[in-house]
Protein backbone atom coordinates (compact mmCIF):
# COMPACT_ATOMS: atom_id res chain seq x y z
CA MET A 1 -5.75 -37.26 14.09
CA ASN A 2 -3.53 -39.61 11.66
CA LEU A 3 -0.88 -38.33 9.17
CA GLU A 4 -1.94 -39.12 5.88
CA THR A 5 1.06 -39.71 3.36
CA LEU A 6 1.40 -40.88 -0.25
CA GLU A 7 4.76 -41.88 -0.98
CA PHE A 8 6.12 -42.46 -4.84
CA ILE A 9 8.97 -44.36 -5.92
CA ILE A 10 10.15 -43.49 -9.84
CA TYR A 11 12.49 -46.22 -11.11
CA PRO A 12 14.44 -45.59 -13.91
CA ASP A 13 12.66 -47.93 -16.22
CA GLY A 14 9.38 -45.54 -15.47
CA ARG A 15 7.71 -48.04 -13.13
CA VAL A 16 6.09 -46.15 -10.22
CA GLN A 17 5.65 -47.54 -6.81
CA GLU A 18 2.99 -45.92 -4.70
CA LYS A 19 2.56 -46.31 -0.95
CA VAL A 20 -0.16 -44.83 0.96
CA THR A 21 0.00 -44.80 4.81
CA GLY A 22 -2.54 -43.29 7.41
CA ILE A 23 -5.99 -43.97 5.53
CA ILE A 24 -7.88 -46.42 7.08
CA GLY A 25 -10.35 -48.54 4.86
CA ALA A 26 -10.86 -48.54 1.13
CA SER A 27 -11.13 -44.77 1.05
CA CYS A 28 -7.41 -44.66 0.11
CA GLN A 29 -8.28 -45.93 -3.54
CA GLU A 30 -10.45 -42.83 -3.72
CA VAL A 31 -7.51 -40.67 -2.96
CA THR A 32 -5.30 -42.14 -5.25
CA ALA A 33 -7.43 -42.67 -8.31
CA ALA A 34 -7.03 -39.57 -10.16
CA ILE A 35 -3.09 -39.95 -9.64
CA GLU A 36 -2.94 -43.57 -10.95
CA ALA A 37 -5.11 -42.35 -14.17
CA GLN A 38 -2.46 -39.64 -14.65
CA LEU A 39 0.41 -41.99 -14.27
CA GLY A 40 -0.87 -44.91 -16.47
CA ARG A 41 -1.48 -48.59 -16.26
CA VAL A 42 -1.58 -50.24 -12.86
CA VAL A 43 0.10 -53.45 -13.27
CA SER A 44 -0.55 -54.80 -9.59
CA GLN A 45 -1.64 -53.73 -6.25
CA GLU A 46 -0.93 -55.19 -2.82
CA LYS A 47 -3.25 -54.13 0.02
CA THR A 48 -1.88 -53.18 3.63
CA SER A 49 -3.65 -54.07 6.99
CA GLN A 50 -4.76 -50.42 7.06
CA TYR A 51 -7.06 -51.55 3.89
CA TYR A 52 -8.81 -53.89 5.98
CA ALA A 53 -9.03 -52.11 9.17
CA GLN A 54 -12.15 -50.62 10.24
CA THR A 55 -12.43 -47.19 11.98
CA VAL A 56 -13.76 -47.47 15.33
CA ASN A 57 -16.24 -45.08 17.03
CA GLN A 58 -17.07 -45.58 20.60
CA SER A 59 -19.28 -43.88 23.05
CA ALA A 60 -20.02 -44.42 26.62
CA LYS A 61 -22.59 -42.98 28.57
CA ALA A 62 -22.27 -43.08 32.61
CA ALA A 63 -25.12 -42.90 35.02
CA ASN A 64 -24.32 -42.01 38.40
CA GLN A 65 -26.77 -42.40 41.06
CA ALA A 66 -26.05 -41.75 44.69
CA GLU A 67 -28.18 -43.15 47.64
CA PHE A 68 -27.95 -41.90 50.97
CA SER A 69 -29.14 -43.37 54.16
CA GLN A 70 -30.91 -41.58 56.91
CA TRP A 71 -29.23 -42.91 59.94
């Protein structure tokens, strides 16, 4: 389980920098949309490598078959 964090830096001139970590893929935009709507106009976005990452689901099945010789 990853720790999801939102970090906000508020500058003296009123600009707000937002940084999202721990959320894989584009779902970070869903998480931050309501907050950004309240903060005001978004002037730029910089996507991190986590935005482009994909979650990996792996499953493995193992078959075990034993043969015994009759000697």
